[in-house]
Amino acid sequence: MSKTKAKGKVSQKAARPGKRLGLKIAGGQKVETGVILVRQRGSSFHPGEGAKMGRDFTIFALRNGIVKFKVQKGKRLVCVY
């Protein structure tokens, strides 16, 4: 007799849906106040001028304007001008 019995589907986990993380707005696009720019786990991107980070690391626009991505002192910034 085998040491473990056949388990089949019972032990297999169901597929979990993705969390829809990532960039939501591309550079050069117009945005309005409150629009989500980046959804992330941890701070891969940092908020620059005209943007702010929420407590779940989501970056959103503080004002109307055009989105610009730049690197400053090794940090990737998301700005709204």
N, C-alpha and C. Protein backbone atom coordinates (compact mmCIF):
# COMPACT_ATOMS: atom_id res chain seq x y z
N MET A 1 0.84 -1.19 0.00
CA MET A 1 0.00 0.00 0.00
C MET A 1 0.89 1.25 0.00
N SER A 2 0.44 2.25 -0.70
CA SER A 2 1.25 3.48 -0.78
C SER A 2 1.19 4.24 0.55
N LYS A 3 2.20 5.07 0.76
CA LYS A 3 2.28 5.83 2.02
C LYS A 3 1.21 6.92 2.08
N THR A 4 0.94 7.57 0.92
CA THR A 4 -0.10 8.60 0.88
C THR A 4 -1.14 8.21 -0.15
N LYS A 5 -2.36 8.50 0.18
CA LYS A 5 -3.45 8.18 -0.75
C LYS A 5 -3.56 9.29 -1.79
N ALA A 6 -4.16 8.97 -2.90
CA ALA A 6 -4.35 9.95 -3.97
C ALA A 6 -5.28 11.05 -3.47
N LYS A 7 -4.88 12.29 -3.69
CA LYS A 7 -5.67 13.41 -3.17
C LYS A 7 -6.53 14.05 -4.25
N GLY A 8 -6.03 14.11 -5.45
CA GLY A 8 -6.82 14.70 -6.53
C GLY A 8 -7.02 16.19 -6.36
N LYS A 9 -8.20 16.68 -6.69
CA LYS A 9 -8.51 18.11 -6.71
C LYS A 9 -8.60 18.73 -5.32
N VAL A 10 -8.83 17.94 -4.30
CA VAL A 10 -9.09 18.49 -2.98
C VAL A 10 -7.92 19.31 -2.46
N SER A 11 -6.69 18.85 -2.67
CA SER A 11 -5.54 19.55 -2.12
C SER A 11 -5.05 20.69 -3.00
N GLN A 12 -5.56 20.80 -4.22
CA GLN A 12 -5.11 21.87 -5.11
C GLN A 12 -5.85 23.16 -4.81
N LYS A 13 -5.09 24.23 -4.75
CA LYS A 13 -5.68 25.54 -4.45
C LYS A 13 -6.35 26.10 -5.72
N ALA A 14 -7.45 26.81 -5.50
CA ALA A 14 -8.12 27.47 -6.62
C ALA A 14 -7.29 28.67 -7.05
N ALA A 15 -7.35 29.03 -8.31
CA ALA A 15 -6.61 30.17 -8.84
C ALA A 15 -7.13 31.45 -8.20
N ARG A 16 -6.21 32.29 -7.73
CA ARG A 16 -6.58 33.56 -7.12
C ARG A 16 -6.51 34.66 -8.18
N PRO A 17 -7.43 35.62 -8.12
CA PRO A 17 -7.38 36.71 -9.10
C PRO A 17 -6.20 37.63 -8.83
N GLY A 18 -5.66 38.25 -9.90
CA GLY A 18 -4.57 39.20 -9.75
C GLY A 18 -5.03 40.47 -9.07
N LYS A 19 -4.11 41.23 -8.54
CA LYS A 19 -4.45 42.43 -7.77
C LYS A 19 -4.49 43.69 -8.62
N ARG A 20 -4.24 43.58 -9.91
CA ARG A 20 -4.30 44.73 -10.84
C ARG A 20 -3.34 45.84 -10.43
N LEU A 21 -2.11 45.47 -10.11
CA LEU A 21 -1.11 46.46 -9.73
C LEU A 21 -0.43 47.02 -10.97
N GLY A 22 0.32 48.09 -10.80
CA GLY A 22 1.10 48.64 -11.91
C GLY A 22 0.75 50.08 -12.23
N LEU A 23 1.32 50.58 -13.32
CA LEU A 23 1.07 51.94 -13.77
C LEU A 23 -0.32 52.03 -14.38
N LYS A 24 -1.06 53.03 -13.99
CA LYS A 24 -2.40 53.24 -14.53
C LYS A 24 -2.44 54.37 -15.53
N ILE A 25 -1.45 55.24 -15.49
CA ILE A 25 -1.37 56.40 -16.39
C ILE A 25 0.03 56.46 -16.98
N ALA A 26 0.13 56.71 -18.26
CA ALA A 26 1.44 56.82 -18.92
C ALA A 26 1.95 58.26 -18.84
N GLY A 27 3.24 58.44 -19.02
CA GLY A 27 3.83 59.78 -19.03
C GLY A 27 3.29 60.60 -20.18
N GLY A 28 2.99 61.87 -19.91
CA GLY A 28 2.47 62.75 -20.94
C GLY A 28 0.95 62.81 -21.00
N GLN A 29 0.27 61.96 -20.24
CA GLN A 29 -1.19 61.97 -20.24
C GLN A 29 -1.72 63.03 -19.28
N LYS A 30 -2.88 63.59 -19.62
CA LYS A 30 -3.54 64.56 -18.74
C LYS A 30 -4.30 63.81 -17.65
N VAL A 31 -4.26 64.34 -16.43
CA VAL A 31 -5.00 63.74 -15.31
C VAL A 31 -5.72 64.82 -14.53
N GLU A 32 -6.74 64.39 -13.79
CA GLU A 32 -7.47 65.28 -12.91
C GLU A 32 -7.13 64.94 -11.46
N THR A 33 -7.51 65.80 -10.55
CA THR A 33 -7.24 65.59 -9.13
C THR A 33 -7.83 64.27 -8.65
N GLY A 34 -7.05 63.51 -7.89
CA GLY A 34 -7.53 62.27 -7.29
C GLY A 34 -7.38 61.02 -8.14
N VAL A 35 -6.93 61.16 -9.36
CA VAL A 35 -6.77 60.01 -10.25
C VAL A 35 -5.58 59.16 -9.79
N ILE A 36 -5.76 57.84 -9.75
CA ILE A 36 -4.68 56.94 -9.35
C ILE A 36 -3.67 56.82 -10.49
N LEU A 37 -2.40 57.03 -10.14
CA LEU A 37 -1.32 56.97 -11.12
C LEU A 37 -0.62 55.62 -11.09
N VAL A 38 -0.33 55.11 -9.88
CA VAL A 38 0.39 53.84 -9.71
C VAL A 38 -0.22 53.07 -8.56
N ARG A 39 -0.43 51.76 -8.75
CA ARG A 39 -0.80 50.85 -7.66
C ARG A 39 0.38 49.91 -7.49
N GLN A 40 0.89 49.77 -6.26
CA GLN A 40 2.11 49.00 -6.05
C GLN A 40 2.16 48.40 -4.65
N ARG A 41 3.05 47.43 -4.48
CA ARG A 41 3.35 46.85 -3.17
C ARG A 41 4.75 47.34 -2.80
N GLY A 42 4.85 48.17 -1.79
CA GLY A 42 6.14 48.79 -1.49
C GLY A 42 6.31 50.02 -2.36
N SER A 43 7.40 50.75 -2.14
CA SER A 43 7.58 52.02 -2.86
C SER A 43 8.57 51.88 -4.00
N SER A 44 8.16 51.24 -5.08
CA SER A 44 8.98 51.18 -6.30
C SER A 44 9.05 52.57 -6.92
N PHE A 45 7.91 53.25 -6.94
CA PHE A 45 7.82 54.63 -7.41
C PHE A 45 7.54 55.52 -6.20
N HIS A 46 8.07 56.73 -6.23
CA HIS A 46 7.86 57.69 -5.16
C HIS A 46 7.09 58.89 -5.70
N PRO A 47 6.26 59.53 -4.87
CA PRO A 47 5.53 60.70 -5.34
C PRO A 47 6.45 61.91 -5.46
N GLY A 48 6.29 62.63 -6.55
CA GLY A 48 7.04 63.86 -6.76
C GLY A 48 6.10 65.04 -6.59
N GLU A 49 6.38 66.09 -7.33
CA GLU A 49 5.58 67.30 -7.28
C GLU A 49 4.17 67.04 -7.81
N GLY A 50 3.16 67.42 -7.05
CA GLY A 50 1.77 67.27 -7.49
C GLY A 50 1.20 65.87 -7.31
N ALA A 51 1.89 65.02 -6.55
CA ALA A 51 1.40 63.66 -6.30
C ALA A 51 1.60 63.32 -4.83
N LYS A 52 0.85 62.33 -4.36
CA LYS A 52 0.96 61.92 -2.97
C LYS A 52 0.78 60.41 -2.87
N MET A 53 1.36 59.81 -1.81
CA MET A 53 1.28 58.37 -1.64
C MET A 53 0.27 58.04 -0.53
N GLY A 54 -0.62 57.09 -0.82
CA GLY A 54 -1.59 56.61 0.17
C GLY A 54 -0.95 55.58 1.07
N ARG A 55 -1.70 55.10 2.06
CA ARG A 55 -1.11 54.18 3.04
C ARG A 55 -0.86 52.78 2.48
N ASP A 56 -1.47 52.44 1.34
CA ASP A 56 -1.18 51.16 0.69
C ASP A 56 -0.22 51.35 -0.49
N PHE A 57 0.56 52.43 -0.45
CA PHE A 57 1.59 52.78 -1.44
C PHE A 57 1.02 53.19 -2.80
N THR A 58 -0.29 53.46 -2.87
CA THR A 58 -0.89 53.96 -4.10
C THR A 58 -0.50 55.42 -4.28
N ILE A 59 -0.08 55.78 -5.49
CA ILE A 59 0.27 57.18 -5.78
C ILE A 59 -0.87 57.79 -6.59
N PHE A 60 -1.34 58.97 -6.14
CA PHE A 60 -2.46 59.64 -6.81
C PHE A 60 -2.13 61.11 -7.03
N ALA A 61 -2.88 61.73 -7.94
CA ALA A 61 -2.64 63.13 -8.32
C ALA A 61 -3.29 64.08 -7.31
N LEU A 62 -2.57 65.14 -6.97
CA LEU A 62 -3.11 66.17 -6.08
C LEU A 62 -3.72 67.33 -6.85
N ARG A 63 -3.45 67.40 -8.14
CA ARG A 63 -3.97 68.51 -8.95
C ARG A 63 -4.12 68.08 -10.40
N ASN A 64 -4.81 68.89 -11.17
CA ASN A 64 -4.93 68.64 -12.61
C ASN A 64 -3.60 68.94 -13.28
N GLY A 65 -3.26 68.18 -14.31
CA GLY A 65 -2.03 68.46 -15.02
C GLY A 65 -1.60 67.29 -15.89
N ILE A 66 -0.33 67.30 -16.26
CA ILE A 66 0.24 66.26 -17.12
C ILE A 66 1.25 65.45 -16.31
N VAL A 67 1.19 64.14 -16.44
CA VAL A 67 2.06 63.23 -15.69
C VAL A 67 3.44 63.17 -16.32
N LYS A 68 4.46 63.19 -15.46
CA LYS A 68 5.84 63.05 -15.92
C LYS A 68 6.59 62.12 -14.96
N PHE A 69 7.33 61.17 -15.54
CA PHE A 69 8.15 60.26 -14.75
C PHE A 69 9.60 60.72 -14.87
N LYS A 70 10.32 60.73 -13.73
CA LYS A 70 11.73 61.10 -13.78
C LYS A 70 12.50 60.38 -12.68
N VAL A 71 13.82 60.34 -12.84
CA VAL A 71 14.69 59.71 -11.85
C VAL A 71 15.51 60.80 -11.18
N GLN A 72 15.47 60.82 -9.84
CA GLN A 72 16.19 61.84 -9.10
C GLN A 72 16.86 61.18 -7.90
N LYS A 73 18.18 61.23 -7.83
CA LYS A 73 18.96 60.60 -6.76
C LYS A 73 18.65 59.11 -6.63
N GLY A 74 18.47 58.45 -7.77
CA GLY A 74 18.23 57.00 -7.77
C GLY A 74 16.80 56.59 -7.49
N LYS A 75 15.91 57.56 -7.26
CA LYS A 75 14.50 57.25 -7.00
C LYS A 75 13.67 57.54 -8.23
N ARG A 76 12.72 56.66 -8.52
CA ARG A 76 11.81 56.90 -9.64
C ARG A 76 10.63 57.73 -9.12
N LEU A 77 10.49 58.93 -9.63
CA LEU A 77 9.44 59.84 -9.18
C LEU A 77 8.31 59.93 -10.20
N VAL A 78 7.11 60.12 -9.68
CA VAL A 78 5.94 60.38 -10.52
C VAL A 78 5.46 61.78 -10.16
N CYS A 79 5.47 62.69 -11.14
CA CYS A 79 5.11 64.09 -10.89
C CYS A 79 3.91 64.49 -11.76
N VAL A 80 3.18 65.48 -11.29
CA VAL A 80 2.08 66.05 -12.06
C VAL A 80 2.35 67.55 -12.19
N TYR A 81 2.52 68.03 -13.42
CA TYR A 81 2.79 69.45 -13.69
C TYR A 81 1.63 70.10 -14.40
